[in-house]
Amino acid sequence: MSSDENLSASSTDDNFVAPNGAESRLLALVKAQEEATSTFPRKCLEFFKRAAVGYENPLEKFILETEPNDCTFVAKYSKVVDLDLRSCDCISVNSLTLHSVHTGHPLVNFAKEEPLSPELLKEVEESPALVFIHGLGGQMSQFEPLMGLLSQCSEIFALDLPGFGDSRYEFPSKHKFSAEHQKAISSSIQAMAWSDF
């Protein structure tokens, strides 16, 4: 049997994972999910397995582990920041490392190419910055459509509150942040007392 015949014979197998990785694995999981939910009784069985038994869906798990949870805007402008909290007596830590987004005023970026008049520069410096703060259980990427629009006319700040979004207590094994950033975020959140939240 030639290697081409061997590959085509293997590729019909549902458990086949091509050596190149994630895309082939995703396609195999999608096919398995479609087969597992192809009829109404199968859909009911899958629902029961998840709702009553706590069965983990392999497709959902794969997507959550490999796909970033951030939208394009957040992915482009995100960074890890250290917040100095020494002047805050009501919190037990002196600093906190979190995932954040900051975009400057669009005219500041424009001014790199073409200098602004002093009046316009003063107006840009005095214009208010918009700060996005999500509620419990949220993350800053939920504001992506609004941040994208408002970043065309204003300076934007946003951050993932401790324990939410990409300011996690613990990170999965595969994550976009470097190990150093993961450790800095996790250790600063773990150092917080319950009353800090």
C-alpha atoms as a PDB file:
ATOM      1  CA  MET A   1       0.000   0.000   0.000  1.00  0.00           C
ATOM      2  CA  SER A   2       1.446   3.403  -0.989  1.00  0.00           C
ATOM      3  CA  SER A   3       1.656   6.300   1.428  1.00  0.00           C
ATOM      4  CA  ASP A   4      -1.113   8.150  -0.496  1.00  0.00           C
ATOM      5  CA  GLU A   5      -3.444   5.148  -0.198  1.00  0.00           C
ATOM      6  CA  ASN A   6      -2.551   4.815   3.476  1.00  0.00           C
ATOM      7  CA  LEU A   7      -3.335   8.507   4.079  1.00  0.00           C
ATOM      8  CA  SER A   8      -6.689   8.358   2.281  1.00  0.00           C
ATOM      9  CA  ALA A   9      -7.635   5.189   4.149  1.00  0.00           C
ATOM     10  CA  SER A  10      -6.692   6.771   7.458  1.00  0.00           C
ATOM     11  CA  SER A  11      -8.439  10.069   6.760  1.00  0.00           C
ATOM     12  CA  THR A  12     -11.848   8.378   6.694  1.00  0.00           C
ATOM     13  CA  ASP A  13     -11.343   7.275  10.292  1.00  0.00           C
ATOM     14  CA  ASP A  14     -13.111   9.605  12.765  1.00  0.00           C
ATOM     15  CA  ASN A  15     -10.172   9.476  15.174  1.00  0.00           C
ATOM     16  CA  PHE A  16      -7.638  10.552  12.553  1.00  0.00           C
ATOM     17  CA  VAL A  17      -5.602  13.609  13.531  1.00  0.00           C
ATOM     18  CA  ALA A  18      -3.249  14.957  10.892  1.00  0.00           C
ATOM     19  CA  PRO A  19       0.257  15.702  12.056  1.00  0.00           C
ATOM     20  CA  ASN A  20      -0.201  19.415  11.305  1.00  0.00           C
ATOM     21  CA  GLY A  21      -2.515  19.741  14.279  1.00  0.00           C
ATOM     22  CA  ALA A  22      -5.398  21.869  15.355  1.00  0.00           C
ATOM     23  CA  GLU A  23      -7.381  22.352  12.141  1.00  0.00           C
ATOM     24  CA  SER A  24      -7.602  18.628  11.396  1.00  0.00           C
ATOM     25  CA  ARG A  25      -8.515  17.910  15.015  1.00  0.00           C
ATOM     26  CA  LEU A  26     -11.224  20.585  14.889  1.00  0.00           C
ATOM     27  CA  LEU A  27     -12.698  19.131  11.695  1.00  0.00           C
ATOM     28  CA  ALA A  28     -12.761  15.655  13.240  1.00  0.00           C
ATOM     29  CA  LEU A  29     -14.511  16.973  16.365  1.00  0.00           C
ATOM     30  CA  VAL A  30     -17.065  18.897  14.278  1.00  0.00           C
ATOM     31  CA  LYS A  31     -17.851  15.748  12.313  1.00  0.00           C
ATOM     32  CA  ALA A  32     -18.236  13.739  15.532  1.00  0.00           C
ATOM     33  CA  GLN A  33     -20.517  16.453  16.996  1.00  0.00           C
ATOM     34  CA  GLU A  34     -22.697  16.462  13.873  1.00  0.00           C
ATOM     35  CA  GLU A  35     -23.061  12.684  14.049  1.00  0.00           C
ATOM     36  CA  ALA A  36     -23.801  12.766  17.789  1.00  0.00           C
ATOM     37  CA  THR A  37     -26.623  15.287  17.261  1.00  0.00           C
ATOM     38  CA  SER A  38     -27.974  14.189  13.873  1.00  0.00           C
ATOM     39  CA  THR A  39     -31.408  13.090  15.162  1.00  0.00           C
ATOM     40  CA  PHE A  40     -33.765  14.341  17.857  1.00  0.00           C
ATOM     41  CA  PRO A  41     -33.179  11.353  20.194  1.00  0.00           C
ATOM     42  CA  ARG A  42     -29.393  11.835  19.847  1.00  0.00           C
ATOM     43  CA  LYS A  43     -29.745  15.541  20.645  1.00  0.00           C
ATOM     44  CA  CYS A  44     -31.776  14.651  23.756  1.00  0.00           C
ATOM     45  CA  LEU A  45     -29.128  12.121  24.806  1.00  0.00           C
ATOM     46  CA  GLU A  46     -26.318  14.676  24.364  1.00  0.00           C
ATOM     47  CA  PHE A  47     -28.308  17.251  26.338  1.00  0.00           C
ATOM     48  CA  PHE A  48     -28.937  14.753  29.154  1.00  0.00           C
ATOM     49  CA  LYS A  49     -25.249  13.772  29.262  1.00  0.00           C
ATOM     50  CA  ARG A  50     -24.249  17.411  29.724  1.00  0.00           C
ATOM     51  CA  ALA A  51     -27.081  18.654  31.961  1.00  0.00           C
ATOM     52  CA  ALA A  52     -27.572  15.669  34.271  1.00  0.00           C
ATOM     53  CA  VAL A  53     -24.302  13.746  34.182  1.00  0.00           C
ATOM     54  CA  GLY A  54     -21.870  16.640  33.654  1.00  0.00           C
ATOM     55  CA  TYR A  55     -20.344  15.142  30.499  1.00  0.00           C
ATOM     56  CA  GLU A  56     -17.830  17.486  28.889  1.00  0.00           C
ATOM     57  CA  ASN A  57     -18.308  18.137  25.179  1.00  0.00           C
ATOM     58  CA  PRO A  58     -14.954  17.463  23.444  1.00  0.00           C
ATOM     59  CA  LEU A  59     -15.650  20.054  20.717  1.00  0.00           C
ATOM     60  CA  GLU A  60     -16.455  22.816  23.214  1.00  0.00           C
ATOM     61  CA  LYS A  61     -13.431  21.896  25.329  1.00  0.00           C
ATOM     62  CA  PHE A  62     -11.120  21.976  22.293  1.00  0.00           C
ATOM     63  CA  ILE A  63     -12.430  25.379  21.177  1.00  0.00           C
ATOM     64  CA  LEU A  64     -12.097  26.874  24.660  1.00  0.00           C
ATOM     65  CA  GLU A  65      -8.529  25.570  24.985  1.00  0.00           C
ATOM     66  CA  THR A  66      -7.260  26.616  21.558  1.00  0.00           C
ATOM     67  CA  GLU A  67      -9.192  29.698  20.510  1.00  0.00           C
ATOM     68  CA  PRO A  68      -8.546  33.076  22.097  1.00  0.00           C
ATOM     69  CA  ASN A  69     -11.538  34.549  23.872  1.00  0.00           C
ATOM     70  CA  ASP A  70     -10.628  38.032  22.728  1.00  0.00           C
ATOM     71  CA  CYS A  71     -12.057  39.850  19.777  1.00  0.00           C
ATOM     72  CA  THR A  72      -9.812  41.507  17.224  1.00  0.00           C
ATOM     73  CA  PHE A  73      -9.856  44.952  18.854  1.00  0.00           C
ATOM     74  CA  VAL A  74      -8.884  43.617  22.281  1.00  0.00           C
ATOM     75  CA  ALA A  75      -6.251  41.299  20.807  1.00  0.00           C
ATOM     76  CA  LYS A  76      -4.668  44.213  18.908  1.00  0.00           C
ATOM     77  CA  TYR A  77      -4.466  46.705  21.782  1.00  0.00           C
ATOM     78  CA  SER A  78      -4.201  44.449  24.834  1.00  0.00           C
ATOM     79  CA  LYS A  79      -1.311  44.474  27.248  1.00  0.00           C
ATOM     80  CA  VAL A  80      -0.486  43.349  30.755  1.00  0.00           C
ATOM     81  CA  VAL A  81      -0.233  46.243  33.219  1.00  0.00           C
ATOM     82  CA  ASP A  82       0.923  46.652  36.810  1.00  0.00           C
ATOM     83  CA  LEU A  83      -1.327  48.823  38.965  1.00  0.00           C
ATOM     84  CA  ASP A  84       0.234  50.617  41.933  1.00  0.00           C
ATOM     85  CA  LEU A  85      -2.224  50.359  44.843  1.00  0.00           C
ATOM     86  CA  ARG A  86      -0.001  51.603  47.674  1.00  0.00           C
ATOM     87  CA  SER A  87      -2.126  54.712  48.184  1.00  0.00           C
ATOM     88  CA  CYS A  88      -5.269  52.586  48.562  1.00  0.00           C
ATOM     89  CA  ASP A  89      -5.691  51.669  52.247  1.00  0.00           C
ATOM     90  CA  CYS A  90      -8.817  49.588  51.659  1.00  0.00           C
ATOM     91  CA  ILE A  91      -6.997  46.805  49.771  1.00  0.00           C
ATOM     92  CA  SER A  92      -4.482  44.320  51.166  1.00  0.00           C
ATOM     93  CA  VAL A  93      -2.028  44.279  48.239  1.00  0.00           C
ATOM     94  CA  ASN A  94       0.348  47.009  47.091  1.00  0.00           C
ATOM     95  CA  SER A  95       0.196  46.167  43.400  1.00  0.00           C
ATOM     96  CA  LEU A  96      -1.927  44.175  41.000  1.00  0.00           C
ATOM     97  CA  THR A  97      -1.113  42.832  37.536  1.00  0.00           C
ATOM     98  CA  LEU A  98      -4.053  42.680  35.126  1.00  0.00           C
ATOM     99  CA  HIS A  99      -4.915  42.313  31.446  1.00  0.00           C
ATOM    100  CA  SER A 100      -5.910  45.668  29.953  1.00  0.00           C
ATOM    101  CA  VAL A 101      -6.551  47.634  26.774  1.00  0.00           C
ATOM    102  CA  HIS A 102      -5.444  51.177  26.029  1.00  0.00           C
ATOM    103  CA  THR A 103      -5.834  53.090  22.796  1.00  0.00           C
ATOM    104  CA  GLY A 104      -4.671  56.643  22.517  1.00  0.00           C
ATOM    105  CA  HIS A 105      -6.738  59.415  21.006  1.00  0.00           C
ATOM    106  CA  PRO A 106      -6.822  58.933  17.211  1.00  0.00           C
ATOM    107  CA  LEU A 107      -5.494  62.453  16.617  1.00  0.00           C
ATOM    108  CA  VAL A 108      -2.404  61.623  18.678  1.00  0.00           C
ATOM    109  CA  ASN A 109      -1.620  58.814  16.245  1.00  0.00           C
ATOM    110  CA  PHE A 110      -2.379  61.133  13.331  1.00  0.00           C
ATOM    111  CA  ALA A 111      -0.034  63.759  14.835  1.00  0.00           C
ATOM    112  CA  LYS A 112       2.893  61.375  14.479  1.00  0.00           C
ATOM    113  CA  GLU A 113       2.690  62.001  10.729  1.00  0.00           C
ATOM    114  CA  GLU A 114       1.324  65.546  10.712  1.00  0.00           C
ATOM    115  CA  PRO A 115       1.877  67.937  13.659  1.00  0.00           C
ATOM    116  CA  LEU A 116      -1.293  69.276  15.303  1.00  0.00           C
ATOM    117  CA  SER A 117      -1.952  72.955  15.881  1.00  0.00           C
ATOM    118  CA  PRO A 118      -1.439  74.052  19.520  1.00  0.00           C
ATOM    119  CA  GLU A 119      -5.196  74.644  19.986  1.00  0.00           C
ATOM    120  CA  LEU A 120      -6.098  71.202  18.685  1.00  0.00           C
ATOM    121  CA  LEU A 121      -3.326  69.566  20.694  1.00  0.00           C
ATOM    122  CA  LYS A 122      -4.640  71.231  23.872  1.00  0.00           C
ATOM    123  CA  GLU A 123      -8.183  70.071  23.065  1.00  0.00           C
ATOM    124  CA  VAL A 124      -6.983  66.483  22.551  1.00  0.00           C
ATOM    125  CA  GLU A 125      -5.049  66.540  25.840  1.00  0.00           C
ATOM    126  CA  GLU A 126      -8.097  67.847  27.731  1.00  0.00           C
ATOM    127  CA  SER A 127     -10.618  65.515  26.124  1.00  0.00           C
ATOM    128  CA  PRO A 128     -12.000  62.861  28.485  1.00  0.00           C
ATOM    129  CA  ALA A 129     -10.824  59.280  28.314  1.00  0.00           C
ATOM    130  CA  LEU A 130     -13.456  56.543  28.297  1.00  0.00           C
ATOM    131  CA  VAL A 131     -13.047  53.771  30.870  1.00  0.00           C
ATOM    132  CA  PHE A 132     -14.879  50.464  30.389  1.00  0.00           C
ATOM    133  CA  ILE A 133     -15.532  48.351  33.494  1.00  0.00           C
ATOM    134  CA  HIS A 134     -17.416  45.066  33.157  1.00  0.00           C
ATOM    135  CA  GLY A 135     -19.697  43.474  35.741  1.00  0.00           C
ATOM    136  CA  LEU A 136     -19.124  40.207  37.577  1.00  0.00           C
ATOM    137  CA  GLY A 137     -18.871  37.276  35.201  1.00  0.00           C
ATOM    138  CA  GLY A 138     -17.963  39.511  32.275  1.00  0.00           C
ATOM    139  CA  GLN A 139     -14.818  40.505  30.464  1.00  0.00           C
ATOM    140  CA  MET A 140     -13.721  43.618  28.635  1.00  0.00           C
ATOM    141  CA  SER A 141     -14.097  42.028  25.191  1.00  0.00           C
ATOM    142  CA  GLN A 142     -17.884  42.206  25.645  1.00  0.00           C
ATOM    143  CA  PHE A 143     -17.532  45.942  24.888  1.00  0.00           C
ATOM    144  CA  GLU A 144     -15.623  45.337  21.639  1.00  0.00           C
ATOM    145  CA  PRO A 145     -18.191  46.811  19.211  1.00  0.00           C
ATOM    146  CA  LEU A 146     -18.568  49.948  21.327  1.00  0.00           C
ATOM    147  CA  MET A 147     -14.826  50.312  22.003  1.00  0.00           C
ATOM    148  CA  GLY A 148     -14.109  49.957  18.287  1.00  0.00           C
ATOM    149  CA  LEU A 149     -16.491  52.785  17.419  1.00  0.00           C
ATOM    150  CA  LEU A 150     -15.545  55.115  20.272  1.00  0.00           C
ATOM    151  CA  SER A 151     -11.805  54.633  19.723  1.00  0.00           C
ATOM    152  CA  GLN A 152     -12.241  56.650  16.519  1.00  0.00           C
ATOM    153  CA  CYS A 153     -12.975  59.769  18.565  1.00  0.00           C
ATOM    154  CA  SER A 154     -11.619  59.237  22.080  1.00  0.00           C
ATOM    155  CA  GLU A 155      -8.955  57.622  24.232  1.00  0.00           C
ATOM    156  CA  ILE A 156     -10.061  54.200  25.579  1.00  0.00           C
ATOM    157  CA  PHE A 157      -9.107  52.323  28.761  1.00  0.00           C
ATOM    158  CA  ALA A 158     -10.461  48.917  29.804  1.00  0.00           C
ATOM    159  CA  LEU A 159      -9.302  46.088  32.017  1.00  0.00           C
ATOM    160  CA  ASP A 160     -10.376  42.618  33.024  1.00  0.00           C
ATOM    161  CA  LEU A 161     -11.205  42.683  36.724  1.00  0.00           C
ATOM    162  CA  PRO A 162      -9.287  40.212  38.933  1.00  0.00           C
ATOM    163  CA  GLY A 163     -10.470  36.661  38.278  1.00  0.00           C
ATOM    164  CA  PHE A 164     -12.346  37.460  35.048  1.00  0.00           C
ATOM    165  CA  GLY A 165     -11.533  37.448  31.336  1.00  0.00           C
ATOM    166  CA  ASP A 166      -7.775  37.198  30.899  1.00  0.00           C
ATOM    167  CA  SER A 167      -6.997  38.381  34.443  1.00  0.00           C
ATOM    168  CA  ARG A 168      -7.268  34.800  35.647  1.00  0.00           C
ATOM    169  CA  TYR A 169      -6.603  33.115  38.941  1.00  0.00           C
ATOM    170  CA  GLU A 170      -5.120  30.175  36.986  1.00  0.00           C
ATOM    171  CA  PHE A 171      -4.346  29.889  33.278  1.00  0.00           C
ATOM    172  CA  PRO A 172      -4.880  26.853  31.031  1.00  0.00           C
ATOM    173  CA  SER A 173      -1.775  25.161  29.670  1.00  0.00           C
ATOM    174  CA  LYS A 174      -2.144  26.825  26.255  1.00  0.00           C
ATOM    175  CA  HIS A 175      -2.577  30.579  26.519  1.00  0.00           C
ATOM    176  CA  LYS A 176      -1.475  33.579  24.490  1.00  0.00           C
ATOM    177  CA  PHE A 177       0.351  35.244  27.397  1.00  0.00           C
ATOM    178  CA  SER A 178       3.949  34.384  28.142  1.00  0.00           C
ATOM    179  CA  ALA A 179       4.614  32.213  31.189  1.00  0.00           C
ATOM    180  CA  GLU A 180       6.052  35.286  32.928  1.00  0.00           C
ATOM    181  CA  HIS A 181       2.855  37.316  32.398  1.00  0.00           C
ATOM    182  CA  GLN A 182       0.669  34.374  33.420  1.00  0.00           C
ATOM    183  CA  LYS A 183       2.626  33.986  36.644  1.00  0.00           C
ATOM    184  CA  ALA A 184       2.532  37.735  37.380  1.00  0.00           C
ATOM    185  CA  ILE A 185      -1.242  37.945  36.891  1.00  0.00           C
ATOM    186  CA  SER A 186      -2.034  34.731  38.778  1.00  0.00           C
ATOM    187  CA  SER A 187       0.258  35.436  41.720  1.00  0.00           C
ATOM    188  CA  SER A 188      -1.001  39.003  42.164  1.00  0.00           C
ATOM    189  CA  ILE A 189      -4.634  37.836  42.171  1.00  0.00           C
ATOM    190  CA  GLN A 190      -3.867  34.918  44.497  1.00  0.00           C
ATOM    191  CA  ALA A 191      -2.231  37.360  46.934  1.00  0.00           C
ATOM    192  CA  MET A 192      -5.497  39.280  47.290  1.00  0.00           C
ATOM    193  CA  ALA A 193      -7.709  38.707  50.329  1.00  0.00           C
ATOM    194  CA  TRP A 194     -11.400  37.856  49.888  1.00  0.00           C
ATOM    195  CA  SER A 195     -12.314  41.288  51.238  1.00  0.00           C
ATOM    196  CA  ASP A 196     -10.370  42.891  48.350  1.00  0.00           C
ATOM    197  CA  PHE A 197     -12.869  41.601  45.845  1.00  0.00           C
END
